[in-house]
Amino acid sequence: MKEQIDALRQRFESDLQAARNSETVEKLRVAYLGKKGSVTELLKGLKTVAGDQKKEMGQLINPVSYTHLTLPTILRV
């Protein structure tokens, strides 16, 4: 799961840097952070992770999921 999280984070950051307008950023937000988004699916997958690894996996996922807090700043681009 750790490899999935790292790959997702890298892909998200790359896609976000390539975004040229607010419409594209909004589509990325939905694709990654929406109800059926990639990050949401990873968070749902934490149910299957062993108890001692849940905290570590959650800490790896959270920086990506908290990106939505900075999106209003990015949207001004």
PDB file of N, CA and C in Angstrom:
ATOM      1  N   MET A   1       0.827  -1.200   0.000  1.00  0.00           N
ATOM      2  CA  MET A   1       0.000   0.000   0.000  1.00  0.00           C
ATOM      3  C   MET A   1       0.868   1.260   0.000  1.00  0.00           C
ATOM      4  N   LYS A   2       2.018   1.179   0.639  1.00  0.00           N
ATOM      5  CA  LYS A   2       2.898   2.344   0.711  1.00  0.00           C
ATOM      6  C   LYS A   2       3.328   2.783  -0.693  1.00  0.00           C
ATOM      7  N   GLU A   3       3.599   1.817  -1.557  1.00  0.00           N
ATOM      8  CA  GLU A   3       3.996   2.142  -2.927  1.00  0.00           C
ATOM      9  C   GLU A   3       2.856   2.831  -3.673  1.00  0.00           C
ATOM     10  N   GLN A   4       1.630   2.376  -3.424  1.00  0.00           N
ATOM     11  CA  GLN A   4       0.457   2.995  -4.052  1.00  0.00           C
ATOM     12  C   GLN A   4       0.319   4.451  -3.623  1.00  0.00           C
ATOM     13  N   ILE A   5       0.526   4.696  -2.342  1.00  0.00           N
ATOM     14  CA  ILE A   5       0.400   6.058  -1.803  1.00  0.00           C
ATOM     15  C   ILE A   5       1.467   6.960  -2.406  1.00  0.00           C
ATOM     16  N   ASP A   6       2.703   6.471  -2.454  1.00  0.00           N
ATOM     17  CA  ASP A   6       3.793   7.268  -3.020  1.00  0.00           C
ATOM     18  C   ASP A   6       3.544   7.579  -4.492  1.00  0.00           C
ATOM     19  N   ALA A   7       3.096   6.573  -5.242  1.00  0.00           N
ATOM     20  CA  ALA A   7       2.820   6.769  -6.667  1.00  0.00           C
ATOM     21  C   ALA A   7       1.681   7.765  -6.864  1.00  0.00           C
ATOM     22  N   LEU A   8       0.645   7.649  -6.043  1.00  0.00           N
ATOM     23  CA  LEU A   8      -0.494   8.564  -6.135  1.00  0.00           C
ATOM     24  C   LEU A   8      -0.071   9.992  -5.816  1.00  0.00           C
ATOM     25  N   ARG A   9       0.729  10.153  -4.771  1.00  0.00           N
ATOM     26  CA  ARG A   9       1.183  11.495  -4.387  1.00  0.00           C
ATOM     27  C   ARG A   9       2.010  12.130  -5.504  1.00  0.00           C
ATOM     28  N   GLN A  10       2.910  11.363  -6.094  1.00  0.00           N
ATOM     29  CA  GLN A  10       3.741  11.884  -7.176  1.00  0.00           C
ATOM     30  C   GLN A  10       2.897  12.249  -8.392  1.00  0.00           C
ATOM     31  N   ARG A  11       1.941  11.395  -8.725  1.00  0.00           N
ATOM     32  CA  ARG A  11       1.066  11.660  -9.874  1.00  0.00           C
ATOM     33  C   ARG A  11       0.205  12.902  -9.616  1.00  0.00           C
ATOM     34  N   PHE A  12      -0.321  13.021  -8.402  1.00  0.00           N
ATOM     35  CA  PHE A  12      -1.147  14.175  -8.048  1.00  0.00           C
ATOM     36  C   PHE A  12      -0.342  15.468  -8.135  1.00  0.00           C
ATOM     37  N   GLU A  13       0.850  15.468  -7.557  1.00  0.00           N
ATOM     38  CA  GLU A  13       1.694  16.668  -7.585  1.00  0.00           C
ATOM     39  C   GLU A  13       2.068  17.043  -9.012  1.00  0.00           C
ATOM     40  N   SER A  14       2.371  16.046  -9.808  1.00  0.00           N
ATOM     41  CA  SER A  14       2.714  16.288 -11.208  1.00  0.00           C
ATOM     42  C   SER A  14       1.528  16.867 -11.973  1.00  0.00           C
ATOM     43  N   ASP A  15       0.363  16.255 -11.797  1.00  0.00           N
ATOM     44  CA  ASP A  15      -0.846  16.753 -12.465  1.00  0.00           C
ATOM     45  C   ASP A  15      -1.190  18.171 -12.011  1.00  0.00           C
ATOM     46  N   LEU A  16      -1.016  18.434 -10.739  1.00  0.00           N
ATOM     47  CA  LEU A  16      -1.331  19.759 -10.196  1.00  0.00           C
ATOM     48  C   LEU A  16      -0.392  20.821 -10.757  1.00  0.00           C
ATOM     49  N   GLN A  17       0.874  20.499 -10.895  1.00  0.00           N
ATOM     50  CA  GLN A  17       1.830  21.451 -11.461  1.00  0.00           C
ATOM     51  C   GLN A  17       1.558  21.711 -12.932  1.00  0.00           C
ATOM     52  N   ALA A  18       1.039  20.712 -13.616  1.00  0.00           N
ATOM     53  CA  ALA A  18       0.750  20.856 -15.043  1.00  0.00           C
ATOM     54  C   ALA A  18      -0.558  21.592 -15.307  1.00  0.00           C
ATOM     55  N   ALA A  19      -1.388  21.741 -14.278  1.00  0.00           N
ATOM     56  CA  ALA A  19      -2.687  22.406 -14.446  1.00  0.00           C
ATOM     57  C   ALA A  19      -2.473  23.870 -14.823  1.00  0.00           C
ATOM     58  N   ARG A  20      -3.184  24.314 -15.841  1.00  0.00           N
ATOM     59  CA  ARG A  20      -3.007  25.673 -16.356  1.00  0.00           C
ATOM     60  C   ARG A  20      -4.122  26.631 -15.969  1.00  0.00           C
ATOM     61  N   ASN A  21      -5.255  26.085 -15.496  1.00  0.00           N
ATOM     62  CA  ASN A  21      -6.356  26.975 -15.137  1.00  0.00           C
ATOM     63  C   ASN A  21      -7.178  26.377 -14.003  1.00  0.00           C
ATOM     64  N   SER A  22      -8.070  27.165 -13.467  1.00  0.00           N
ATOM     65  CA  SER A  22      -8.862  26.729 -12.315  1.00  0.00           C
ATOM     66  C   SER A  22      -9.792  25.570 -12.656  1.00  0.00           C
ATOM     67  N   GLU A  23     -10.246  25.506 -13.892  1.00  0.00           N
ATOM     68  CA  GLU A  23     -11.119  24.403 -14.296  1.00  0.00           C
ATOM     69  C   GLU A  23     -10.373  23.066 -14.210  1.00  0.00           C
ATOM     70  N   THR A  24      -9.143  23.050 -14.654  1.00  0.00           N
ATOM     71  CA  THR A  24      -8.328  21.839 -14.599  1.00  0.00           C
ATOM     72  C   THR A  24      -8.045  21.448 -13.155  1.00  0.00           C
ATOM     73  N   VAL A  25      -7.743  22.424 -12.317  1.00  0.00           N
ATOM     74  CA  VAL A  25      -7.477  22.153 -10.902  1.00  0.00           C
ATOM     75  C   VAL A  25      -8.720  21.574 -10.241  1.00  0.00           C
ATOM     76  N   GLU A  26      -9.882  22.094 -10.567  1.00  0.00           N
ATOM     77  CA  GLU A  26     -11.127  21.580 -10.003  1.00  0.00           C
ATOM     78  C   GLU A  26     -11.354  20.131 -10.443  1.00  0.00           C
ATOM     79  N   LYS A  27     -11.070  19.810 -11.688  1.00  0.00           N
ATOM     80  CA  LYS A  27     -11.212  18.433 -12.167  1.00  0.00           C
ATOM     81  C   LYS A  27     -10.254  17.503 -11.424  1.00  0.00           C
ATOM     82  N   LEU A  28      -9.053  17.977 -11.162  1.00  0.00           N
ATOM     83  CA  LEU A  28      -8.097  17.190 -10.388  1.00  0.00           C
ATOM     84  C   LEU A  28      -8.593  16.974  -8.964  1.00  0.00           C
ATOM     85  N   ARG A  29      -9.142  18.011  -8.379  1.00  0.00           N
ATOM     86  CA  ARG A  29      -9.667  17.894  -7.016  1.00  0.00           C
ATOM     87  C   ARG A  29     -10.726  16.803  -6.944  1.00  0.00           C
ATOM     88  N   VAL A  30     -11.620  16.815  -7.900  1.00  0.00           N
ATOM     89  CA  VAL A  30     -12.685  15.812  -7.918  1.00  0.00           C
ATOM     90  C   VAL A  30     -12.114  14.421  -8.168  1.00  0.00           C
ATOM     91  N   ALA A  31     -11.184  14.315  -9.118  1.00  0.00           N
ATOM     92  CA  ALA A  31     -10.622  13.016  -9.476  1.00  0.00           C
ATOM     93  C   ALA A  31      -9.832  12.383  -8.326  1.00  0.00           C
ATOM     94  N   TYR A  32      -9.145  13.203  -7.562  1.00  0.00           N
ATOM     95  CA  TYR A  32      -8.327  12.672  -6.481  1.00  0.00           C
ATOM     96  C   TYR A  32      -9.020  12.722  -5.124  1.00  0.00           C
ATOM     97  N   LEU A  33      -9.755  13.784  -4.860  1.00  0.00           N
ATOM     98  CA  LEU A  33     -10.276  13.997  -3.512  1.00  0.00           C
ATOM     99  C   LEU A  33     -11.787  13.867  -3.408  1.00  0.00           C
ATOM    100  N   GLY A  34     -12.459  13.664  -4.532  1.00  0.00           N
ATOM    101  CA  GLY A  34     -13.913  13.549  -4.531  1.00  0.00           C
ATOM    102  C   GLY A  34     -14.390  12.267  -3.870  1.00  0.00           C
ATOM    103  N   LYS A  35     -15.688  12.100  -3.825  1.00  0.00           N
ATOM    104  CA  LYS A  35     -16.307  10.960  -3.147  1.00  0.00           C
ATOM    105  C   LYS A  35     -15.787   9.618  -3.659  1.00  0.00           C
ATOM    106  N   LYS A  36     -15.530   9.523  -4.949  1.00  0.00           N
ATOM    107  CA  LYS A  36     -15.006   8.293  -5.524  1.00  0.00           C
ATOM    108  C   LYS A  36     -13.577   8.488  -6.043  1.00  0.00           C
ATOM    109  N   GLY A  37     -12.894   9.470  -5.491  1.00  0.00           N
ATOM    110  CA  GLY A  37     -11.548   9.803  -5.933  1.00  0.00           C
ATOM    111  C   GLY A  37     -10.497   8.817  -5.459  1.00  0.00           C
ATOM    112  N   SER A  38      -9.332   8.952  -6.020  1.00  0.00           N
ATOM    113  CA  SER A  38      -8.216   8.043  -5.731  1.00  0.00           C
ATOM    114  C   SER A  38      -7.807   8.076  -4.257  1.00  0.00           C
ATOM    115  N   VAL A  39      -7.724   9.261  -3.679  1.00  0.00           N
ATOM    116  CA  VAL A  39      -7.337   9.386  -2.273  1.00  0.00           C
ATOM    117  C   VAL A  39      -8.418   8.788  -1.384  1.00  0.00           C
ATOM    118  N   THR A  40      -9.660   9.040  -1.703  1.00  0.00           N
ATOM    119  CA  THR A  40     -10.780   8.508  -0.925  1.00  0.00           C
ATOM    120  C   THR A  40     -10.749   6.986  -0.941  1.00  0.00           C
ATOM    121  N   GLU A  41     -10.449   6.407  -2.088  1.00  0.00           N
ATOM    122  CA  GLU A  41     -10.379   4.945  -2.195  1.00  0.00           C
ATOM    123  C   GLU A  41      -9.239   4.394  -1.336  1.00  0.00           C
ATOM    124  N   LEU A  42      -8.108   5.094  -1.312  1.00  0.00           N
ATOM    125  CA  LEU A  42      -7.008   4.659  -0.454  1.00  0.00           C
ATOM    126  C   LEU A  42      -7.405   4.725   1.019  1.00  0.00           C
ATOM    127  N   LEU A  43      -8.096   5.784   1.395  1.00  0.00           N
ATOM    128  CA  LEU A  43      -8.543   5.908   2.783  1.00  0.00           C
ATOM    129  C   LEU A  43      -9.508   4.783   3.146  1.00  0.00           C
ATOM    130  N   LYS A  44     -10.378   4.422   2.237  1.00  0.00           N
ATOM    131  CA  LYS A  44     -11.298   3.306   2.476  1.00  0.00           C
ATOM    132  C   LYS A  44     -10.514   2.005   2.618  1.00  0.00           C
ATOM    133  N   GLY A  45      -9.412   1.897   1.887  1.00  0.00           N
ATOM    134  CA  GLY A  45      -8.585   0.706   1.939  1.00  0.00           C
ATOM    135  C   GLY A  45      -7.856   0.519   3.254  1.00  0.00           C
ATOM    136  N   LEU A  46      -7.829   1.543   4.088  1.00  0.00           N
ATOM    137  CA  LEU A  46      -7.171   1.423   5.390  1.00  0.00           C
ATOM    138  C   LEU A  46      -7.853   0.373   6.269  1.00  0.00           C
ATOM    139  N   LYS A  47      -9.105   0.051   5.953  1.00  0.00           N
ATOM    140  CA  LYS A  47      -9.818  -0.975   6.727  1.00  0.00           C
ATOM    141  C   LYS A  47      -9.096  -2.315   6.675  1.00  0.00           C
ATOM    142  N   THR A  48      -8.432  -2.584   5.574  1.00  0.00           N
ATOM    143  CA  THR A  48      -7.794  -3.884   5.385  1.00  0.00           C
ATOM    144  C   THR A  48      -6.344  -3.920   5.876  1.00  0.00           C
ATOM    145  N   VAL A  49      -5.820  -2.784   6.286  1.00  0.00           N
ATOM    146  CA  VAL A  49      -4.430  -2.703   6.746  1.00  0.00           C
ATOM    147  C   VAL A  49      -4.360  -3.149   8.203  1.00  0.00           C
ATOM    148  N   ALA A  50      -3.292  -3.848   8.536  1.00  0.00           N
ATOM    149  CA  ALA A  50      -3.088  -4.300   9.911  1.00  0.00           C
ATOM    150  C   ALA A  50      -3.051  -3.098  10.854  1.00  0.00           C
ATOM    151  N   GLY A  51      -3.550  -3.302  12.048  1.00  0.00           N
ATOM    152  CA  GLY A  51      -3.675  -2.227  13.023  1.00  0.00           C
ATOM    153  C   GLY A  51      -2.410  -1.446  13.277  1.00  0.00           C
ATOM    154  N   ASP A  52      -1.277  -2.136  13.345  1.00  0.00           N
ATOM    155  CA  ASP A  52      -0.025  -1.441  13.634  1.00  0.00           C
ATOM    156  C   ASP A  52       0.487  -0.622  12.458  1.00  0.00           C
ATOM    157  N   GLN A  53      -0.058  -0.855  11.261  1.00  0.00           N
ATOM    158  CA  GLN A  53       0.376  -0.110  10.082  1.00  0.00           C
ATOM    159  C   GLN A  53      -0.602   0.999   9.696  1.00  0.00           C
ATOM    160  N   LYS A  54      -1.797   0.998  10.270  1.00  0.00           N
ATOM    161  CA  LYS A  54      -2.813   1.992   9.898  1.00  0.00           C
ATOM    162  C   LYS A  54      -2.332   3.413  10.136  1.00  0.00           C
ATOM    163  N   LYS A  55      -1.712   3.641  11.278  1.00  0.00           N
ATOM    164  CA  LYS A  55      -1.249   4.989  11.599  1.00  0.00           C
ATOM    165  C   LYS A  55      -0.231   5.475  10.569  1.00  0.00           C
ATOM    166  N   GLU A  56       0.715   4.624  10.241  1.00  0.00           N
ATOM    167  CA  GLU A  56       1.747   4.993   9.267  1.00  0.00           C
ATOM    168  C   GLU A  56       1.132   5.277   7.897  1.00  0.00           C
ATOM    169  N   MET A  57       0.242   4.413   7.445  1.00  0.00           N
ATOM    170  CA  MET A  57      -0.394   4.594   6.137  1.00  0.00           C
ATOM    171  C   MET A  57      -1.255   5.863   6.133  1.00  0.00           C
ATOM    172  N   GLY A  58      -1.974   6.093   7.210  1.00  0.00           N
ATOM    173  CA  GLY A  58      -2.781   7.309   7.317  1.00  0.00           C
ATOM    174  C   GLY A  58      -1.929   8.565   7.249  1.00  0.00           C
ATOM    175  N   GLN A  59      -0.771   8.522   7.903  1.00  0.00           N
ATOM    176  CA  GLN A  59       0.124   9.674   7.878  1.00  0.00           C
ATOM    177  C   GLN A  59       0.698   9.916   6.494  1.00  0.00           C
ATOM    178  N   LEU A  60       0.822   8.873   5.701  1.00  0.00           N
ATOM    179  CA  LEU A  60       1.306   9.038   4.330  1.00  0.00           C
ATOM    180  C   LEU A  60       0.218   9.584   3.410  1.00  0.00           C
ATOM    181  N   ILE A  61      -1.017   9.190   3.658  1.00  0.00           N
ATOM    182  CA  ILE A  61      -2.134   9.638   2.823  1.00  0.00           C
ATOM    183  C   ILE A  61      -2.557  11.065   3.165  1.00  0.00           C
ATOM    184  N   ASN A  62      -2.530  11.435   4.417  1.00  0.00           N
ATOM    185  CA  ASN A  62      -3.052  12.734   4.852  1.00  0.00           C
ATOM    186  C   ASN A  62      -2.481  13.943   4.129  1.00  0.00           C
ATOM    187  N   PRO A  63      -1.173  14.028   3.862  1.00  0.00           N
ATOM    188  CA  PRO A  63      -0.685  15.221   3.143  1.00  0.00           C
ATOM    189  C   PRO A  63      -1.361  15.410   1.784  1.00  0.00           C
ATOM    190  N   VAL A  64      -1.659  14.316   1.114  1.00  0.00           N
ATOM    191  CA  VAL A  64      -2.350  14.422  -0.177  1.00  0.00           C
ATOM    192  C   VAL A  64      -3.789  14.842   0.042  1.00  0.00           C
ATOM    193  N   SER A  65      -4.446  14.257   1.022  1.00  0.00           N
ATOM    194  CA  SER A  65      -5.854  14.585   1.241  1.00  0.00           C
ATOM    195  C   SER A  65      -6.031  16.006   1.777  1.00  0.00           C
ATOM    196  N   TYR A  66      -5.033  16.536   2.476  1.00  0.00           N
ATOM    197  CA  TYR A  66      -5.136  17.906   2.986  1.00  0.00           C
ATOM    198  C   TYR A  66      -4.797  18.960   1.939  1.00  0.00           C
ATOM    199  N   THR A  67      -4.375  18.529   0.769  1.00  0.00           N
ATOM    200  CA  THR A  67      -4.058  19.467  -0.306  1.00  0.00           C
ATOM    201  C   THR A  67      -5.267  20.319  -0.658  1.00  0.00           C
ATOM    202  N   HIS A  68      -6.467  19.789  -0.434  1.00  0.00           N
ATOM    203  CA  HIS A  68      -7.668  20.558  -0.765  1.00  0.00           C
ATOM    204  C   HIS A  68      -7.738  21.862   0.018  1.00  0.00           C
ATOM    205  N   LEU A  69      -7.035  21.942   1.136  1.00  0.00           N
ATOM    206  CA  LEU A  69      -7.028  23.175   1.915  1.00  0.00           C
ATOM    207  C   LEU A  69      -6.241  24.279   1.217  1.00  0.00           C
ATOM    208  N   THR A  70      -5.282  23.904   0.383  1.00  0.00           N
ATOM    209  CA  THR A  70      -4.473  24.893  -0.327  1.00  0.00           C
ATOM    210  C   THR A  70      -4.994  25.161  -1.742  1.00  0.00           C
ATOM    211  N   LEU A  71      -5.960  24.397  -2.193  1.00  0.00           N
ATOM    212  CA  LEU A  71      -6.460  24.579  -3.553  1.00  0.00           C
ATOM    213  C   LEU A  71      -7.046  25.969  -3.817  1.00  0.00           C
ATOM    214  N   PRO A  72      -7.721  26.611  -2.851  1.00  0.00           N
ATOM    215  CA  PRO A  72      -8.197  27.964  -3.154  1.00  0.00           C
ATOM    216  C   PRO A  72      -7.070  28.919  -3.542  1.00  0.00           C
ATOM    217  N   THR A  73      -5.890  28.766  -2.953  1.00  0.00           N
ATOM    218  CA  THR A  73      -4.746  29.588  -3.311  1.00  0.00           C
ATOM    219  C   THR A  73      -4.271  29.241  -4.712  1.00  0.00           C
ATOM    220  N   ILE A  74      -4.223  27.964  -5.022  1.00  0.00           N
ATOM    221  CA  ILE A  74      -3.791  27.523  -6.340  1.00  0.00           C
ATOM    222  C   ILE A  74      -4.778  27.973  -7.416  1.00  0.00           C
ATOM    223  N   LEU A  75      -6.057  27.985  -7.082  1.00  0.00           N
ATOM    224  CA  LEU A  75      -7.091  28.338  -8.053  1.00  0.00           C
ATOM    225  C   LEU A  75      -6.969  29.786  -8.510  1.00  0.00           C
ATOM    226  N   ARG A  76      -6.293  30.606  -7.761  1.00  0.00           N
ATOM    227  CA  ARG A  76      -6.144  32.025  -8.159  1.00  0.00           C
ATOM    228  C   ARG A  76      -5.159  32.204  -9.288  1.00  0.00           C
ATOM    229  N   VAL A  77      -4.460  31.135  -9.657  1.00  0.00           N
ATOM    230  CA  VAL A  77      -3.441  31.205 -10.719  1.00  0.00           C
ATOM    231  C   VAL A  77      -4.053  31.519 -12.044  1.00  0.00           C
TER     232      VAL A  77
END
